[in-house]
Full PDB file with SEQRES, HELIX, SHEET, SSBOND, CRYST1, ORIGX, SCALE, CONECT and MASTER records, all heavy atoms in Angstrom:
SEQRES   1 A   39  GLU ASN MET LYS PRO TRP TYR TRP PHE SER GLY GLY ILE          
SEQRES   2 A   39  GLY VAL GLY VAL VAL ILE CYS LEU THR LEU GLY LEU ARG          
SEQRES   3 A   39  LEU LEU GLY PRO THR TYR ALA ILE SER ILE VAL LEU ILE          
HELIX    1 AA1 PRO A    5  PHE A    9  5                                   5    
HELIX    2 AA2 SER A   10  LEU A   28  1                                  19    
HELIX    3 AA3 PRO A   30  LEU A   38  1                                   9    
CRYST1    1.000    1.000    1.000  90.00  90.00  90.00 P 1           1          
ORIGX1      1.000000  0.000000  0.000000        0.00000                         
ORIGX2      0.000000  1.000000  0.000000        0.00000                         
ORIGX3      0.000000  0.000000  1.000000        0.00000                         
SCALE1      1.000000  0.000000  0.000000        0.00000                         
SCALE2      0.000000  1.000000  0.000000        0.00000                         
SCALE3      0.000000  0.000000  1.000000        0.00000                         
ATOM      1  N   GLU A   1     123.650  56.978 102.098  1.00  0.00           N  
ATOM      2  CA  GLU A   1     123.399  55.544 102.214  1.00  0.00           C  
ATOM      3  C   GLU A   1     121.931  55.163 102.119  1.00  0.00           C  
ATOM      4  O   GLU A   1     121.585  54.142 101.550  1.00  0.00           O  
ATOM      5  CB  GLU A   1     123.938  54.988 103.552  1.00  0.00           C  
ATOM      6  CG  GLU A   1     125.397  55.187 103.805  1.00  0.00           C  
ATOM      7  CD  GLU A   1     125.693  56.544 104.438  1.00  0.00           C  
ATOM      8  OE1 GLU A   1     124.912  57.015 105.280  1.00  0.00           O  
ATOM      9  OE2 GLU A   1     126.703  57.133 104.056  1.00  0.00           O  
ATOM     10  N   ASN A   2     121.049  55.936 102.704  1.00  0.00           N  
ATOM     11  CA  ASN A   2     119.634  55.575 102.778  1.00  0.00           C  
ATOM     12  C   ASN A   2     118.788  56.166 101.662  1.00  0.00           C  
ATOM     13  O   ASN A   2     117.574  56.085 101.712  1.00  0.00           O  
ATOM     14  CB  ASN A   2     119.063  56.004 104.137  1.00  0.00           C  
ATOM     15  CG  ASN A   2     119.748  55.296 105.280  1.00  0.00           C  
ATOM     16  OD1 ASN A   2     120.103  54.134 105.166  1.00  0.00           O  
ATOM     17  ND2 ASN A   2     119.963  56.001 106.369  1.00  0.00           N  
ATOM     18  N   MET A   3     119.423  56.743 100.659  1.00  0.00           N  
ATOM     19  CA  MET A   3     118.667  57.372  99.582  1.00  0.00           C  
ATOM     20  C   MET A   3     118.327  56.335  98.513  1.00  0.00           C  
ATOM     21  O   MET A   3     119.175  55.544  98.115  1.00  0.00           O  
ATOM     22  CB  MET A   3     119.468  58.509  98.949  1.00  0.00           C  
ATOM     23  CG  MET A   3     118.635  59.337  98.011  1.00  0.00           C  
ATOM     24  SD  MET A   3     119.475  60.803  97.435  1.00  0.00           S  
ATOM     25  CE  MET A   3     120.481  60.132  96.149  1.00  0.00           C  
ATOM     26  N   LYS A   4     117.090  56.363  98.057  1.00  0.00           N  
ATOM     27  CA  LYS A   4     116.670  55.453  96.993  1.00  0.00           C  
ATOM     28  C   LYS A   4     117.343  55.880  95.689  1.00  0.00           C  
ATOM     29  O   LYS A   4     117.412  57.066  95.378  1.00  0.00           O  
ATOM     30  CB  LYS A   4     115.159  55.474  96.847  1.00  0.00           C  
ATOM     31  CG  LYS A   4     114.464  54.905  98.065  1.00  0.00           C  
ATOM     32  CD  LYS A   4     112.971  54.933  97.916  1.00  0.00           C  
ATOM     33  CE  LYS A   4     112.371  54.384  99.195  1.00  0.00           C  
ATOM     34  NZ  LYS A   4     110.956  54.468  99.237  1.00  0.00           N  
ATOM     35  N   PRO A   5     117.820  54.931  94.883  1.00  0.00           N  
ATOM     36  CA  PRO A   5     118.563  55.271  93.653  1.00  0.00           C  
ATOM     37  C   PRO A   5     117.778  56.128  92.663  1.00  0.00           C  
ATOM     38  O   PRO A   5     118.342  56.967  91.985  1.00  0.00           O  
ATOM     39  CB  PRO A   5     118.895  53.911  93.044  1.00  0.00           C  
ATOM     40  CG  PRO A   5     118.793  52.943  94.165  1.00  0.00           C  
ATOM     41  CD  PRO A   5     117.795  53.501  95.129  1.00  0.00           C  
ATOM     42  N   TRP A   6     116.464  55.959  92.593  1.00  0.00           N  
ATOM     43  CA  TRP A   6     115.710  56.719  91.602  1.00  0.00           C  
ATOM     44  C   TRP A   6     115.612  58.197  91.941  1.00  0.00           C  
ATOM     45  O   TRP A   6     115.260  59.014  91.094  1.00  0.00           O  
ATOM     46  CB  TRP A   6     114.347  56.094  91.332  1.00  0.00           C  
ATOM     47  CG  TRP A   6     113.432  55.904  92.507  1.00  0.00           C  
ATOM     48  CD1 TRP A   6     113.479  54.900  93.424  1.00  0.00           C  
ATOM     49  CD2 TRP A   6     112.334  56.721  92.872  1.00  0.00           C  
ATOM     50  NE1 TRP A   6     112.465  55.045  94.340  1.00  0.00           N  
ATOM     51  CE2 TRP A   6     111.744  56.162  94.021  1.00  0.00           C  
ATOM     52  CE3 TRP A   6     111.780  57.876  92.348  1.00  0.00           C  
ATOM     53  CZ2 TRP A   6     110.649  56.716  94.646  1.00  0.00           C  
ATOM     54  CZ3 TRP A   6     110.680  58.421  92.978  1.00  0.00           C  
ATOM     55  CH2 TRP A   6     110.122  57.842  94.105  1.00  0.00           C  
ATOM     56  N   TYR A   7     115.952  58.584  93.164  1.00  0.00           N  
ATOM     57  CA  TYR A   7     115.988  60.011  93.505  1.00  0.00           C  
ATOM     58  C   TYR A   7     117.136  60.731  92.792  1.00  0.00           C  
ATOM     59  O   TYR A   7     117.130  61.950  92.697  1.00  0.00           O  
ATOM     60  CB  TYR A   7     116.118  60.213  95.011  1.00  0.00           C  
ATOM     61  CG  TYR A   7     114.886  59.831  95.802  1.00  0.00           C  
ATOM     62  CD1 TYR A   7     115.003  59.301  97.071  1.00  0.00           C  
ATOM     63  CD2 TYR A   7     113.607  60.015  95.295  1.00  0.00           C  
ATOM     64  CE1 TYR A   7     113.880  58.950  97.815  1.00  0.00           C  
ATOM     65  CE2 TYR A   7     112.481  59.667  96.020  1.00  0.00           C  
ATOM     66  CZ  TYR A   7     112.628  59.144  97.278  1.00  0.00           C  
ATOM     67  OH  TYR A   7     111.522  58.803  98.005  1.00  0.00           O  
ATOM     68  N   TRP A   8     118.104  59.985  92.295  1.00  0.00           N  
ATOM     69  CA  TRP A   8     119.231  60.590  91.581  1.00  0.00           C  
ATOM     70  C   TRP A   8     118.791  61.253  90.278  1.00  0.00           C  
ATOM     71  O   TRP A   8     119.504  62.072  89.716  1.00  0.00           O  
ATOM     72  CB  TRP A   8     120.308  59.547  91.288  1.00  0.00           C  
ATOM     73  CG  TRP A   8     121.077  59.170  92.505  1.00  0.00           C  
ATOM     74  CD1 TRP A   8     120.695  58.293  93.477  1.00  0.00           C  
ATOM     75  CD2 TRP A   8     122.350  59.672  92.913  1.00  0.00           C  
ATOM     76  NE1 TRP A   8     121.663  58.214  94.449  1.00  0.00           N  
ATOM     77  CE2 TRP A   8     122.685  59.052  94.130  1.00  0.00           C  
ATOM     78  CE3 TRP A   8     123.233  60.592  92.365  1.00  0.00           C  
ATOM     79  CZ2 TRP A   8     123.872  59.316  94.799  1.00  0.00           C  
ATOM     80  CZ3 TRP A   8     124.417  60.842  93.025  1.00  0.00           C  
ATOM     81  CH2 TRP A   8     124.724  60.216  94.238  1.00  0.00           C  
ATOM     82  N   PHE A   9     117.611  60.911  89.792  1.00  0.00           N  
ATOM     83  CA  PHE A   9     117.111  61.518  88.559  1.00  0.00           C  
ATOM     84  C   PHE A   9     116.785  62.996  88.721  1.00  0.00           C  
ATOM     85  O   PHE A   9     116.505  63.691  87.759  1.00  0.00           O  
ATOM     86  CB  PHE A   9     115.876  60.764  88.037  1.00  0.00           C  
ATOM     87  CG  PHE A   9     116.195  59.407  87.494  1.00  0.00           C  
ATOM     88  CD1 PHE A   9     115.833  58.265  88.186  1.00  0.00           C  
ATOM     89  CD2 PHE A   9     116.866  59.274  86.296  1.00  0.00           C  
ATOM     90  CE1 PHE A   9     116.128  57.012  87.695  1.00  0.00           C  
ATOM     91  CE2 PHE A   9     117.175  58.027  85.785  1.00  0.00           C  
ATOM     92  CZ  PHE A   9     116.799  56.888  86.486  1.00  0.00           C  
ATOM     93  N   SER A  10     116.820  63.472  89.940  1.00  0.00           N  
ATOM     94  CA  SER A  10     116.520  64.873  90.219  1.00  0.00           C  
ATOM     95  C   SER A  10     117.376  65.828  89.387  1.00  0.00           C  
ATOM     96  O   SER A  10     116.891  66.840  88.902  1.00  0.00           O  
ATOM     97  CB  SER A  10     116.708  65.162  91.707  1.00  0.00           C  
ATOM     98  OG  SER A  10     116.535  66.513  91.981  1.00  0.00           O  
ATOM     99  N   GLY A  11     118.638  65.521  89.204  1.00  0.00           N  
ATOM    100  CA  GLY A  11     119.518  66.379  88.401  1.00  0.00           C  
ATOM    101  C   GLY A  11     119.053  66.476  86.962  1.00  0.00           C  
ATOM    102  O   GLY A  11     119.060  67.551  86.361  1.00  0.00           O  
ATOM    103  N   GLY A  12     118.638  65.345  86.407  1.00  0.00           N  
ATOM    104  CA  GLY A  12     118.119  65.350  85.036  1.00  0.00           C  
ATOM    105  C   GLY A  12     116.823  66.130  84.938  1.00  0.00           C  
ATOM    106  O   GLY A  12     116.569  66.829  83.956  1.00  0.00           O  
ATOM    107  N   ILE A  13     115.999  66.041  85.973  1.00  0.00           N  
ATOM    108  CA  ILE A  13     114.760  66.813  86.001  1.00  0.00           C  
ATOM    109  C   ILE A  13     115.097  68.304  86.030  1.00  0.00           C  
ATOM    110  O   ILE A  13     114.436  69.115  85.383  1.00  0.00           O  
ATOM    111  CB  ILE A  13     113.898  66.401  87.217  1.00  0.00           C  
ATOM    112  CG1 ILE A  13     113.391  64.973  87.026  1.00  0.00           C  
ATOM    113  CG2 ILE A  13     112.740  67.366  87.410  1.00  0.00           C  
ATOM    114  CD1 ILE A  13     112.742  64.364  88.258  1.00  0.00           C  
ATOM    115  N   GLY A  14     116.163  68.665  86.750  1.00  0.00           N  
ATOM    116  CA  GLY A  14     116.601  70.060  86.801  1.00  0.00           C  
ATOM    117  C   GLY A  14     116.950  70.600  85.424  1.00  0.00           C  
ATOM    118  O   GLY A  14     116.661  71.754  85.100  1.00  0.00           O  
ATOM    119  N   VAL A  15     117.564  69.757  84.586  1.00  0.00           N  
ATOM    120  CA  VAL A  15     117.872  70.173  83.207  1.00  0.00           C  
ATOM    121  C   VAL A  15     116.571  70.483  82.475  1.00  0.00           C  
ATOM    122  O   VAL A  15     116.462  71.506  81.803  1.00  0.00           O  
ATOM    123  CB  VAL A  15     118.672  69.079  82.468  1.00  0.00           C  
ATOM    124  CG1 VAL A  15     118.796  69.398  80.988  1.00  0.00           C  
ATOM    125  CG2 VAL A  15     120.050  68.910  83.094  1.00  0.00           C  
ATOM    126  N   GLY A  16     115.586  69.616  82.631  1.00  0.00           N  
ATOM    127  CA  GLY A  16     114.287  69.856  81.994  1.00  0.00           C  
ATOM    128  C   GLY A  16     113.634  71.136  82.488  1.00  0.00           C  
ATOM    129  O   GLY A  16     113.068  71.894  81.695  1.00  0.00           O  
ATOM    130  N   VAL A  17     113.735  71.393  83.789  1.00  0.00           N  
ATOM    131  CA  VAL A  17     113.146  72.604  84.358  1.00  0.00           C  
ATOM    132  C   VAL A  17     113.774  73.843  83.733  1.00  0.00           C  
ATOM    133  O   VAL A  17     113.077  74.744  83.252  1.00  0.00           O  
ATOM    134  CB  VAL A  17     113.326  72.638  85.898  1.00  0.00           C  
ATOM    135  CG1 VAL A  17     112.973  74.005  86.460  1.00  0.00           C  
ATOM    136  CG2 VAL A  17     112.499  71.552  86.559  1.00  0.00           C  
ATOM    137  N   VAL A  18     115.104  73.913  83.722  1.00  0.00           N  
ATOM    138  CA  VAL A  18     115.777  75.116  83.236  1.00  0.00           C  
ATOM    139  C   VAL A  18     115.550  75.310  81.743  1.00  0.00           C  
ATOM    140  O   VAL A  18     115.225  76.420  81.297  1.00  0.00           O  
ATOM    141  CB  VAL A  18     117.286  75.084  83.575  1.00  0.00           C  
ATOM    142  CG1 VAL A  18     118.015  76.254  82.928  1.00  0.00           C  
ATOM    143  CG2 VAL A  18     117.490  75.098  85.083  1.00  0.00           C  
ATOM    144  N   ILE A  19     115.673  74.252  80.951  1.00  0.00           N  
ATOM    145  CA  ILE A  19     115.524  74.417  79.498  1.00  0.00           C  
ATOM    146  C   ILE A  19     114.078  74.799  79.153  1.00  0.00           C  
ATOM    147  O   ILE A  19     113.831  75.690  78.334  1.00  0.00           O  
ATOM    148  CB  ILE A  19     115.993  73.175  78.706  1.00  0.00           C  
ATOM    149  CG1 ILE A  19     116.157  73.501  77.220  1.00  0.00           C  
ATOM    150  CG2 ILE A  19     115.074  71.999  78.849  1.00  0.00           C  
ATOM    151  CD1 ILE A  19     117.351  74.310  76.891  1.00  0.00           C  
ATOM    152  N   CYS A  20     113.095  74.156  79.790  1.00  0.00           N  
ATOM    153  CA  CYS A  20     111.688  74.481  79.511  1.00  0.00           C  
ATOM    154  C   CYS A  20     111.342  75.892  79.953  1.00  0.00           C  
ATOM    155  O   CYS A  20     110.640  76.612  79.240  1.00  0.00           O  
ATOM    156  CB  CYS A  20     110.768  73.461  80.180  1.00  0.00           C  
ATOM    157  SG  CYS A  20     110.815  71.830  79.418  1.00  0.00           S  
ATOM    158  N   LEU A  21     111.835  76.301  81.111  1.00  0.00           N  
ATOM    159  CA  LEU A  21     111.558  77.663  81.574  1.00  0.00           C  
ATOM    160  C   LEU A  21     112.225  78.704  80.681  1.00  0.00           C  
ATOM    161  O   LEU A  21     111.622  79.723  80.355  1.00  0.00           O  
ATOM    162  CB  LEU A  21     112.035  77.843  83.008  1.00  0.00           C  
ATOM    163  CG  LEU A  21     110.991  77.535  84.069  1.00  0.00           C  
ATOM    164  CD1 LEU A  21     111.606  77.531  85.448  1.00  0.00           C  
ATOM    165  CD2 LEU A  21     109.860  78.524  84.007  1.00  0.00           C  
ATOM    166  N   THR A  22     113.449  78.441  80.286  1.00  0.00           N  
ATOM    167  CA  THR A  22     114.161  79.392  79.431  1.00  0.00           C  
ATOM    168  C   THR A  22     113.411  79.590  78.117  1.00  0.00           C  
ATOM    169  O   THR A  22     113.193  80.721  77.676  1.00  0.00           O  
ATOM    170  CB  THR A  22     115.598  78.907  79.166  1.00  0.00           C  
ATOM    171  OG1 THR A  22     116.265  78.744  80.414  1.00  0.00           O  
ATOM    172  CG2 THR A  22     116.371  79.872  78.309  1.00  0.00           C  
ATOM    173  N   LEU A  23     113.004  78.490  77.498  1.00  0.00           N  
ATOM    174  CA  LEU A  23     112.280  78.596  76.230  1.00  0.00           C  
ATOM    175  C   LEU A  23     110.877  79.170  76.443  1.00  0.00           C  
ATOM    176  O   LEU A  23     110.412  79.985  75.646  1.00  0.00           O  
ATOM    177  CB  LEU A  23     112.199  77.222  75.558  1.00  0.00           C  
ATOM    178  CG  LEU A  23     113.541  76.632  75.115  1.00  0.00           C  
ATOM    179  CD1 LEU A  23     113.365  75.202  74.636  1.00  0.00           C  
ATOM    180  CD2 LEU A  23     114.186  77.490  74.047  1.00  0.00           C  
ATOM    181  N   GLY A  24     110.204  78.758  77.519  1.00  0.00           N  
ATOM    182  CA  GLY A  24     108.866  79.271  77.814  1.00  0.00           C  
ATOM    183  C   GLY A  24     108.856  80.767  78.071  1.00  0.00           C  
ATOM    184  O   GLY A  24     107.971  81.488  77.615  1.00  0.00           O  
ATOM    185  N   LEU A  25     109.862  81.246  78.795  1.00  0.00           N  
ATOM    186  CA  LEU A  25     109.960  82.686  79.059  1.00  0.00           C  
ATOM    187  C   LEU A  25     110.139  83.457  77.767  1.00  0.00           C  
ATOM    188  O   LEU A  25     109.574  84.539  77.591  1.00  0.00           O  
ATOM    189  CB  LEU A  25     111.145  82.975  79.989  1.00  0.00           C  
ATOM    190  CG  LEU A  25     110.923  82.671  81.461  1.00  0.00           C  
ATOM    191  CD1 LEU A  25     112.240  82.714  82.211  1.00  0.00           C  
ATOM    192  CD2 LEU A  25     109.946  83.644  82.059  1.00  0.00           C  
ATOM    193  N   ARG A  26     110.920  82.914  76.873  1.00  0.00           N  
ATOM    194  CA  ARG A  26     111.159  83.600  75.612  1.00  0.00           C  
ATOM    195  C   ARG A  26     109.881  83.668  74.779  1.00  0.00           C  
ATOM    196  O   ARG A  26     109.610  84.662  74.119  1.00  0.00           O  
ATOM    197  CB  ARG A  26     112.258  82.889  74.820  1.00  0.00           C  
ATOM    198  CG  ARG A  26     112.685  83.713  73.630  1.00  0.00           C  
ATOM    199  CD  ARG A  26     113.744  83.108  72.768  1.00  0.00           C  
ATOM    200  NE  ARG A  26     114.746  82.329  73.445  1.00  0.00           N  
ATOM    201  CZ  ARG A  26     115.382  81.318  72.877  1.00  0.00           C  
ATOM    202  NH1 ARG A  26     115.106  80.968  71.632  1.00  0.00           N  
ATOM    203  NH2 ARG A  26     116.297  80.647  73.519  1.00  0.00           N  
ATOM    204  N   LEU A  27     109.084  82.609  74.809  1.00  0.00           N  
ATOM    205  CA  LEU A  27     107.874  82.575  73.996  1.00  0.00           C  
ATOM    206  C   LEU A  27     106.689  83.303  74.620  1.00  0.00           C  
ATOM    207  O   LEU A  27     105.853  83.864  73.908  1.00  0.00           O  
ATOM    208  CB  LEU A  27     107.471  81.118  73.725  1.00  0.00           C  
ATOM    209  CG  LEU A  27     108.386  80.351  72.791  1.00  0.00           C  
ATOM    210  CD1 LEU A  27     108.028  78.867  72.809  1.00  0.00           C  
ATOM    211  CD2 LEU A  27     108.307  80.916  71.380  1.00  0.00           C  
ATOM    212  N   LEU A  28     106.596  83.277  75.952  1.00  0.00           N  
ATOM    213  CA  LEU A  28     105.406  83.798  76.619  1.00  0.00           C  
ATOM    214  C   LEU A  28     105.637  85.055  77.434  1.00  0.00           C  
ATOM    215  O   LEU A  28     104.673  85.730  77.795  1.00  0.00           O  
ATOM    216  CB  LEU A  28     104.829  82.728  77.559  1.00  0.00           C  
ATOM    217  CG  LEU A  28     104.428  81.404  76.925  1.00  0.00           C  
ATOM    218  CD1 LEU A  28     104.043  80.402  78.002  1.00  0.00           C  
ATOM    219  CD2 LEU A  28     103.289  81.617  75.948  1.00  0.00           C  
ATOM    220  N   GLY A  29     106.883  85.350  77.765  1.00  0.00           N  
ATOM    221  CA  GLY A  29     107.173  86.446  78.686  1.00  0.00           C  
ATOM    222  C   GLY A  29     107.184  85.919  80.111  1.00  0.00           C  
ATOM    223  O   GLY A  29     106.583  84.891  80.415  1.00  0.00           O  
ATOM    224  N   PRO A  30     107.873  86.640  81.004  1.00  0.00           N  
ATOM    225  CA  PRO A  30     108.068  86.134  82.364  1.00  0.00           C  
ATOM    226  C   PRO A  30     106.786  85.904  83.167  1.00  0.00           C  
ATOM    227  O   PRO A  30     106.597  84.853  83.754  1.00  0.00           O  
ATOM    228  CB  PRO A  30     108.921  87.215  83.034  1.00  0.00           C  
ATOM    229  CG  PRO A  30     109.547  87.966  81.934  1.00  0.00           C  
ATOM    230  CD  PRO A  30     108.620  87.867  80.766  1.00  0.00           C  
ATOM    231  N   THR A  31     105.880  86.864  83.188  1.00  0.00           N  
ATOM    232  CA  THR A  31     104.717  86.748  84.066  1.00  0.00           C  
ATOM    233  C   THR A  31     103.799  85.608  83.641  1.00  0.00           C  
ATOM    234  O   THR A  31     103.375  84.792  84.469  1.00  0.00           O  
ATOM    235  CB  THR A  31     103.930  88.072  84.106  1.00  0.00           C  
ATOM    236  OG1 THR A  31     104.823  89.124  84.450  1.00  0.00           O  
ATOM    237  CG2 THR A  31     102.803  88.009  85.106  1.00  0.00           C  
ATOM    238  N   TYR A  32     103.515  85.530  82.368  1.00  0.00           N  
ATOM    239  CA  TYR A  32     102.622  84.479  81.872  1.00  0.00           C  
ATOM    240  C   TYR A  32     103.269  83.103  82.027  1.00  0.00           C  
ATOM    241  O   TYR A  32     102.626  82.153  82.494  1.00  0.00           O  
ATOM    242  CB  TYR A  32     102.252  84.771  80.423  1.00  0.00           C  
ATOM    243  CG  TYR A  32     101.153  83.909  79.860  1.00  0.00           C  
ATOM    244  CD1 TYR A  32     100.009  83.639  80.588  1.00  0.00           C  
ATOM    245  CD2 TYR A  32     101.258  83.387  78.580  1.00  0.00           C  
ATOM    246  CE1 TYR A  32      98.993  82.858  80.055  1.00  0.00           C  
ATOM    247  CE2 TYR A  32     100.250  82.616  78.041  1.00  0.00           C  
ATOM    248  CZ  TYR A  32      99.127  82.342  78.785  1.00  0.00           C  
ATOM    249  OH  TYR A  32      98.124  81.572  78.255  1.00  0.00           O  
ATOM    250  N   ALA A  33     104.538  82.978  81.671  1.00  0.00           N  
ATOM    251  CA  ALA A  33     105.223  81.687  81.787  1.00  0.00           C  
ATOM    252  C   ALA A  33     105.282  81.219  83.237  1.00  0.00           C  
ATOM    253  O   ALA A  33     104.977  80.061  83.543  1.00  0.00           O  
ATOM    254  CB  ALA A  33     106.634  81.782  81.201  1.00  0.00           C  
ATOM    255  N   ILE A  34     105.658  82.101  84.143  1.00  0.00           N  
ATOM    256  CA  ILE A  34     105.753  81.728  85.558  1.00  0.00           C  
ATOM    257  C   ILE A  34     104.372  81.402  86.112  1.00  0.00           C  
ATOM    258  O   ILE A  34     104.217  80.491  86.930  1.00  0.00           O  
ATOM    259  CB  ILE A  34     106.435  82.838  86.381  1.00  0.00           C  
ATOM    260  CG1 ILE A  34     107.873  83.033  85.919  1.00  0.00           C  
ATOM    261  CG2 ILE A  34     106.394  82.521  87.876  1.00  0.00           C  
ATOM    262  CD1 ILE A  34     108.739  81.802  86.002  1.00  0.00           C  
ATOM    263  N   SER A  35     103.339  82.092  85.669  1.00  0.00           N  
ATOM    264  CA  SER A  35     101.979  81.787  86.112  1.00  0.00           C  
ATOM    265  C   SER A  35     101.606  80.360  85.731  1.00  0.00           C  
ATOM    266  O   SER A  35     101.031  79.616  86.534  1.00  0.00           O  
ATOM    267  CB  SER A  35     100.977  82.755  85.483  1.00  0.00           C  
ATOM    268  OG  SER A  35     101.249  84.069  85.876  1.00  0.00           O  
ATOM    269  N   ILE A  36     101.923  79.977  84.527  1.00  0.00           N  
ATOM    270  CA  ILE A  36     101.619  78.622  84.074  1.00  0.00           C  
ATOM    271  C   ILE A  36     102.456  77.607  84.849  1.00  0.00           C  
ATOM    272  O   ILE A  36     101.963  76.540  85.233  1.00  0.00           O  
ATOM    273  CB  ILE A  36     101.830  78.505  82.556  1.00  0.00           C  
ATOM    274  CG1 ILE A  36     100.772  79.355  81.846  1.00  0.00           C  
ATOM    275  CG2 ILE A  36     101.759  77.048  82.108  1.00  0.00           C  
ATOM    276  CD1 ILE A  36     100.996  79.513  80.368  1.00  0.00           C  
ATOM    277  N   VAL A  37     103.704  77.940  85.110  1.00  0.00           N  
ATOM    278  CA  VAL A  37     104.563  77.060  85.911  1.00  0.00           C  
ATOM    279  C   VAL A  37     103.944  76.854  87.297  1.00  0.00           C  
ATOM    280  O   VAL A  37     103.900  75.732  87.810  1.00  0.00           O  
ATOM    281  CB  VAL A  37     105.994  77.632  86.032  1.00  0.00           C  
ATOM    282  CG1 VAL A  37     106.796  76.904  87.092  1.00  0.00           C  
ATOM    283  CG2 VAL A  37     106.708  77.563  84.687  1.00  0.00           C  
ATOM    284  N   LEU A  38     103.461  77.932  87.900  1.00  0.00           N  
ATOM    285  CA  LEU A  38     102.853  77.819  89.228  1.00  0.00           C  
ATOM    286  C   LEU A  38     101.609  76.940  89.208  1.00  0.00           C  
ATOM    287  O   LEU A  38     101.398  76.125  90.111  1.00  0.00           O  
ATOM    288  CB  LEU A  38     102.515  79.204  89.773  1.00  0.00           C  
ATOM    289  CG  LEU A  38     103.718  80.086  90.107  1.00  0.00           C  
ATOM    290  CD1 LEU A  38     103.250  81.472  90.518  1.00  0.00           C  
ATOM    291  CD2 LEU A  38     104.561  79.455  91.195  1.00  0.00           C  
ATOM    292  N   ILE A  39     100.772  77.082  88.187  1.00  0.00           N  
ATOM    293  CA  ILE A  39      99.590  76.223  88.056  1.00  0.00           C  
ATOM    294  C   ILE A  39     100.027  74.768  87.942  1.00  0.00           C  
ATOM    295  O   ILE A  39      99.476  73.877  88.596  1.00  0.00           O  
ATOM    296  CB  ILE A  39      98.749  76.612  86.827  1.00  0.00           C  
ATOM    297  CG1 ILE A  39      98.077  77.950  87.029  1.00  0.00           C  
ATOM    298  CG2 ILE A  39      97.698  75.535  86.538  1.00  0.00           C  
ATOM    299  CD1 ILE A  39      97.402  78.466  85.782  1.00  0.00           C  
TER     300      ILE A  39                                                      
MASTER        0    0    0    3    0    0    0    6  299    1    0    3          
END                                                                             
């Protein structure tokens, strides 16, 4: 009830996270890609 409607976009952001990480890992390798994600 008390949640702001724009917080619902979190699921769509999750799609962006997974697709970008999947492609980034393939192009850069796990350590380098995750390092950039952390930055």
